[in-house]
Amino acid sequence: MMSSFWVIIACIGLAVITLVTRAFFMIPEREVPLPGWLKRGLKYAPLAALAAVIAPEIVMSNGHMIHTLADARLPALAVAVVYFFYKRSILGTIALGMLVYLPLHIGVGW
């Protein structure tokens, strides 16, 4: 077992690492020049991170691929995707997807 001293040291170390990595771009006095290809690529980082988090939640359940169409996530996904391509509203997409998902999941038991 780790003593409380080492737990405190580990927490302090993690806090310092977090602070340094998050403040890394604020430390220099002038803007750090980035190549054009990197700037263009960084535009897609939030979308890639969101897809990496959401995609497994949609197609997997308890660590296994879903094998039935009677899953509340699939109709909610279909409605949300259609709404997004029609209105281009992120908030509306989330709200409508949850409006379809919750009754199917809680009410029907999918």
Protein backbone atom coordinates (compact mmCIF):
# COMPACT_ATOMS: atom_id res chain seq x y z
CA MET A 1 0.00 0.00 0.00
CA MET A 2 1.08 3.54 -0.66
CA SER A 3 1.49 5.74 2.36
CA SER A 4 -0.43 9.00 2.51
CA PHE A 5 2.85 10.86 1.92
CA TRP A 6 3.25 9.29 -1.54
CA VAL A 7 -0.40 9.89 -2.37
CA ILE A 8 0.05 13.59 -1.59
CA ILE A 9 3.26 13.73 -3.65
CA ALA A 10 1.49 12.02 -6.56
CA CYS A 11 -1.42 14.48 -6.39
CA ILE A 12 0.93 17.46 -6.31
CA GLY A 13 2.89 16.05 -9.25
CA LEU A 14 -0.28 15.49 -11.27
CA ALA A 15 -1.46 19.02 -10.48
CA VAL A 16 1.87 20.49 -11.64
CA ILE A 17 1.82 18.45 -14.85
CA THR A 18 -1.77 19.51 -15.55
CA LEU A 19 -1.00 23.17 -14.91
CA VAL A 20 2.10 23.16 -17.13
CA THR A 21 0.43 21.34 -20.04
CA ARG A 22 -2.69 23.53 -19.97
CA ALA A 23 -0.76 26.79 -19.58
CA PHE A 24 1.91 25.86 -22.14
CA PHE A 25 0.54 28.21 -24.81
CA MET A 26 0.16 31.11 -22.37
CA ILE A 27 3.76 31.04 -21.10
CA PRO A 28 5.49 32.68 -24.12
CA GLU A 29 5.19 36.46 -24.39
CA ARG A 30 4.49 36.37 -28.11
CA GLU A 31 2.46 33.99 -30.26
CA VAL A 32 4.20 30.74 -31.13
CA PRO A 33 4.32 30.38 -34.93
CA LEU A 34 2.60 27.23 -36.15
CA PRO A 35 2.86 25.82 -39.67
CA GLY A 36 -0.23 26.24 -41.84
CA TRP A 37 -0.87 22.51 -42.08
CA LEU A 38 -0.94 22.26 -38.27
CA LYS A 39 -3.36 25.17 -37.93
CA ARG A 40 -5.69 23.56 -40.48
CA GLY A 41 -5.43 20.21 -38.71
CA LEU A 42 -6.17 21.68 -35.29
CA LYS A 43 -9.53 22.90 -36.59
CA TYR A 44 -10.68 19.27 -36.71
CA ALA A 45 -9.36 18.21 -33.29
CA PRO A 46 -12.58 18.93 -31.35
CA LEU A 47 -14.66 17.05 -33.93
CA ALA A 48 -12.27 14.09 -33.86
CA ALA A 49 -12.33 13.99 -30.05
CA LEU A 50 -16.12 14.16 -30.00
CA ALA A 51 -16.39 11.37 -32.56
CA ALA A 52 -13.94 9.22 -30.60
CA VAL A 53 -16.09 9.56 -27.48
CA ILE A 54 -19.55 9.26 -29.05
CA ALA A 55 -19.02 6.55 -31.70
CA PRO A 56 -18.29 3.71 -29.26
CA GLU A 57 -21.27 4.75 -27.12
CA ILE A 58 -23.56 4.45 -30.12
CA VAL A 59 -22.41 1.09 -31.50
CA MET A 60 -21.39 -0.73 -28.31
CA SER A 61 -23.15 -1.87 -25.16
CA ASN A 62 -21.26 -3.33 -22.18
CA GLY A 63 -18.12 -3.68 -24.28
CA HIS A 64 -19.80 -5.60 -27.12
CA MET A 65 -21.23 -4.48 -30.44
CA ILE A 66 -24.98 -4.08 -30.37
CA HIS A 67 -26.67 -6.90 -32.25
CA THR A 68 -30.29 -5.76 -32.30
CA LEU A 69 -32.12 -2.87 -33.88
CA ALA A 70 -34.26 -2.58 -30.74
CA ASP A 71 -31.83 -0.15 -29.16
CA ALA A 72 -32.97 3.38 -28.30
CA ARG A 73 -29.68 4.88 -29.46
CA LEU A 74 -30.23 3.99 -33.13
CA PRO A 75 -33.54 5.84 -33.72
CA ALA A 76 -32.25 8.77 -31.65
CA LEU A 77 -29.10 8.88 -33.79
CA ALA A 78 -31.09 8.74 -37.04
CA VAL A 79 -33.42 11.57 -35.98
CA ALA A 80 -30.52 13.68 -34.68
CA VAL A 81 -28.48 13.26 -37.87
CA VAL A 82 -31.44 14.20 -40.09
CA TYR A 83 -32.19 17.22 -37.91
CA PHE A 84 -28.56 18.35 -37.96
CA PHE A 85 -28.30 18.21 -41.74
CA TYR A 86 -31.61 20.07 -42.04
CA LYS A 87 -31.08 22.83 -39.42
CA ARG A 88 -27.31 22.80 -38.66
CA SER A 89 -27.97 23.37 -34.96
CA ILE A 90 -25.83 21.49 -32.44
CA LEU A 91 -28.03 22.31 -29.46
CA GLY A 92 -31.18 21.31 -31.34
CA THR A 93 -29.51 18.09 -32.45
CA ILE A 94 -28.62 17.14 -28.88
CA ALA A 95 -32.06 18.11 -27.55
CA LEU A 96 -33.98 16.22 -30.24
CA GLY A 97 -31.74 13.16 -29.94
CA MET A 98 -32.36 13.04 -26.19
CA LEU A 99 -36.08 13.70 -26.73
CA VAL A 100 -36.23 10.54 -28.86
CA TYR A 101 -33.78 8.50 -26.76
CA LEU A 102 -35.20 8.99 -23.27
CA PRO A 103 -38.80 7.82 -23.90
CA LEU A 104 -37.56 4.79 -25.82
CA HIS A 105 -34.97 3.90 -23.20
CA ILE A 106 -36.97 4.62 -20.06
CA GLY A 107 -40.53 4.06 -21.30
CA VAL A 108 -40.15 1.16 -23.73
CA GLY A 109 -37.06 -0.32 -22.10
CA TRP A 110 -34.86 -0.46 -25.17
